[in-house]
Amino acid sequence: MGTLTGTHKGDFHGVAPTNRRIEARGVQVARFVDGQIVERWGSTDELGILTKLGASPAS
């Protein structure tokens, strides 16, 4: 688990740049073989990001 931070400077799922500072929670899991990452899975709260950017949920 961790917190992703950044500034919305480009299109994100159809939302034009807002220049807003955003924080979102996420998790990354990796599988290693011989000290190298061979698979990686991740999940980030994209709905939370879209809400913070002012996007309306689809009806």
N, C-alpha and C. Protein backbone atom coordinates (compact mmCIF):
# COMPACT_ATOMS: atom_id res chain seq x y z
N MET A 1 0.85 -1.18 0.00
CA MET A 1 0.00 0.00 0.00
C MET A 1 0.89 1.23 0.00
N GLY A 2 0.37 2.26 -0.61
CA GLY A 2 1.11 3.50 -0.62
C GLY A 2 0.24 4.64 -1.11
N THR A 3 0.81 5.81 -1.13
CA THR A 3 0.11 7.00 -1.60
C THR A 3 0.83 7.54 -2.82
N LEU A 4 0.08 7.75 -3.87
CA LEU A 4 0.57 8.31 -5.12
C LEU A 4 0.24 9.80 -5.10
N THR A 5 1.20 10.64 -5.41
CA THR A 5 0.95 12.09 -5.46
C THR A 5 1.41 12.64 -6.79
N GLY A 6 0.73 13.67 -7.25
CA GLY A 6 1.12 14.29 -8.51
C GLY A 6 0.25 15.48 -8.83
N THR A 7 0.54 16.11 -9.95
CA THR A 7 -0.22 17.25 -10.44
C THR A 7 -0.86 16.86 -11.76
N HIS A 8 -2.15 17.11 -11.91
CA HIS A 8 -2.90 16.73 -13.10
C HIS A 8 -2.56 17.68 -14.25
N LYS A 9 -1.61 17.27 -15.08
CA LYS A 9 -1.13 18.13 -16.16
C LYS A 9 -1.50 17.63 -17.55
N GLY A 10 -2.11 16.46 -17.65
CA GLY A 10 -2.49 15.91 -18.95
C GLY A 10 -3.86 15.26 -18.87
N ASP A 11 -4.41 14.90 -20.02
CA ASP A 11 -5.70 14.25 -20.08
C ASP A 11 -5.68 12.97 -19.23
N PHE A 12 -6.69 12.75 -18.42
CA PHE A 12 -6.80 11.54 -17.61
C PHE A 12 -8.21 10.99 -17.76
N HIS A 13 -8.36 9.91 -18.47
CA HIS A 13 -9.66 9.28 -18.73
C HIS A 13 -10.68 10.31 -19.23
N GLY A 14 -10.25 11.16 -20.15
CA GLY A 14 -11.15 12.13 -20.75
C GLY A 14 -11.30 13.44 -19.99
N VAL A 15 -10.65 13.58 -18.85
CA VAL A 15 -10.71 14.83 -18.08
C VAL A 15 -9.52 15.69 -18.47
N ALA A 16 -9.81 16.87 -19.00
CA ALA A 16 -8.75 17.79 -19.42
C ALA A 16 -7.92 18.23 -18.21
N PRO A 17 -6.67 18.60 -18.41
CA PRO A 17 -5.79 19.01 -17.30
C PRO A 17 -6.42 20.10 -16.43
N THR A 18 -6.31 19.92 -15.11
CA THR A 18 -6.85 20.90 -14.15
C THR A 18 -5.74 21.58 -13.35
N ASN A 19 -4.53 21.06 -13.45
CA ASN A 19 -3.38 21.54 -12.68
C ASN A 19 -3.58 21.37 -11.17
N ARG A 20 -4.54 20.50 -10.78
CA ARG A 20 -4.78 20.23 -9.36
C ARG A 20 -3.75 19.23 -8.84
N ARG A 21 -3.38 19.39 -7.58
CA ARG A 21 -2.51 18.43 -6.87
C ARG A 21 -3.41 17.29 -6.41
N ILE A 22 -3.01 16.06 -6.67
CA ILE A 22 -3.84 14.89 -6.37
C ILE A 22 -3.06 13.89 -5.52
N GLU A 23 -3.75 13.26 -4.58
CA GLU A 23 -3.21 12.12 -3.82
C GLU A 23 -4.19 10.98 -3.99
N ALA A 24 -3.67 9.77 -4.18
CA ALA A 24 -4.52 8.58 -4.30
C ALA A 24 -3.83 7.39 -3.66
N ARG A 25 -4.61 6.47 -3.17
CA ARG A 25 -4.07 5.25 -2.56
C ARG A 25 -3.91 4.18 -3.64
N GLY A 26 -2.93 3.32 -3.44
CA GLY A 26 -2.73 2.23 -4.37
C GLY A 26 -1.88 1.14 -3.76
N VAL A 27 -1.76 0.05 -4.48
CA VAL A 27 -0.95 -1.08 -4.04
C VAL A 27 -0.26 -1.68 -5.26
N GLN A 28 0.96 -2.11 -5.09
CA GLN A 28 1.73 -2.78 -6.14
C GLN A 28 2.27 -4.08 -5.55
N VAL A 29 2.18 -5.16 -6.31
CA VAL A 29 2.71 -6.46 -5.90
C VAL A 29 3.58 -6.98 -7.03
N ALA A 30 4.75 -7.47 -6.69
CA ALA A 30 5.67 -7.99 -7.71
C ALA A 30 6.08 -9.41 -7.36
N ARG A 31 6.33 -10.20 -8.41
CA ARG A 31 6.88 -11.55 -8.25
C ARG A 31 8.29 -11.54 -8.82
N PHE A 32 9.22 -12.04 -8.02
CA PHE A 32 10.63 -12.04 -8.39
C PHE A 32 11.10 -13.46 -8.69
N VAL A 33 11.96 -13.58 -9.68
CA VAL A 33 12.66 -14.83 -9.97
C VAL A 33 14.13 -14.46 -10.17
N ASP A 34 14.99 -15.09 -9.41
CA ASP A 34 16.43 -14.82 -9.50
C ASP A 34 16.75 -13.33 -9.36
N GLY A 35 16.04 -12.65 -8.45
CA GLY A 35 16.32 -11.25 -8.19
C GLY A 35 15.76 -10.27 -9.19
N GLN A 36 14.96 -10.76 -10.16
CA GLN A 36 14.37 -9.86 -11.16
C GLN A 36 12.85 -9.94 -11.11
N ILE A 37 12.20 -8.81 -11.36
CA ILE A 37 10.74 -8.79 -11.41
C ILE A 37 10.31 -9.47 -12.71
N VAL A 38 9.47 -10.51 -12.58
CA VAL A 38 8.96 -11.21 -13.76
C VAL A 38 7.47 -10.96 -13.97
N GLU A 39 6.77 -10.51 -12.93
CA GLU A 39 5.37 -10.13 -13.04
C GLU A 39 5.11 -9.01 -12.04
N ARG A 40 4.14 -8.15 -12.39
CA ARG A 40 3.77 -7.07 -11.48
C ARG A 40 2.28 -6.81 -11.62
N TRP A 41 1.62 -6.64 -10.49
CA TRP A 41 0.20 -6.32 -10.46
C TRP A 41 0.03 -5.05 -9.64
N GLY A 42 -0.96 -4.26 -10.00
CA GLY A 42 -1.19 -3.05 -9.24
C GLY A 42 -2.62 -2.58 -9.34
N SER A 43 -3.00 -1.78 -8.38
CA SER A 43 -4.33 -1.18 -8.37
C SER A 43 -4.23 0.20 -7.75
N THR A 44 -4.87 1.16 -8.39
CA THR A 44 -4.90 2.54 -7.89
C THR A 44 -6.36 3.00 -7.87
N ASP A 45 -6.71 3.83 -6.93
CA ASP A 45 -8.07 4.34 -6.79
C ASP A 45 -8.37 5.37 -7.88
N GLU A 46 -8.61 4.88 -9.11
CA GLU A 46 -8.86 5.79 -10.23
C GLU A 46 -10.19 6.53 -10.08
N LEU A 47 -11.20 5.89 -9.50
CA LEU A 47 -12.47 6.58 -9.27
C LEU A 47 -12.27 7.74 -8.30
N GLY A 48 -11.46 7.52 -7.27
CA GLY A 48 -11.15 8.60 -6.33
C GLY A 48 -10.43 9.75 -7.01
N ILE A 49 -9.50 9.43 -7.91
CA ILE A 49 -8.78 10.47 -8.65
C ILE A 49 -9.76 11.26 -9.50
N LEU A 50 -10.62 10.56 -10.24
CA LEU A 50 -11.60 11.25 -11.09
C LEU A 50 -12.52 12.14 -10.27
N THR A 51 -12.93 11.67 -9.11
CA THR A 51 -13.79 12.47 -8.23
C THR A 51 -13.06 13.74 -7.79
N LYS A 52 -11.79 13.60 -7.42
CA LYS A 52 -11.00 14.77 -6.99
C LYS A 52 -10.80 15.76 -8.14
N LEU A 53 -10.83 15.26 -9.38
CA LEU A 53 -10.68 16.13 -10.54
C LEU A 53 -11.99 16.78 -10.95
N GLY A 54 -13.09 16.42 -10.26
CA GLY A 54 -14.38 17.03 -10.54
C GLY A 54 -15.18 16.31 -11.60
N ALA A 55 -14.77 15.09 -12.00
CA ALA A 55 -15.51 14.34 -13.00
C ALA A 55 -16.78 13.77 -12.37
N SER A 56 -17.86 13.75 -13.14
CA SER A 56 -19.11 13.18 -12.66
C SER A 56 -19.14 11.69 -12.97
N PRO A 57 -19.67 10.87 -12.06
CA PRO A 57 -19.78 9.44 -12.36
C PRO A 57 -20.73 9.21 -13.54
N ALA A 58 -20.45 8.18 -14.31
CA ALA A 58 -21.32 7.84 -15.45
C ALA A 58 -22.69 7.41 -14.92
N SER A 59 -23.74 7.81 -15.64
CA SER A 59 -25.07 7.41 -15.17
C SER A 59 -25.53 6.16 -15.87
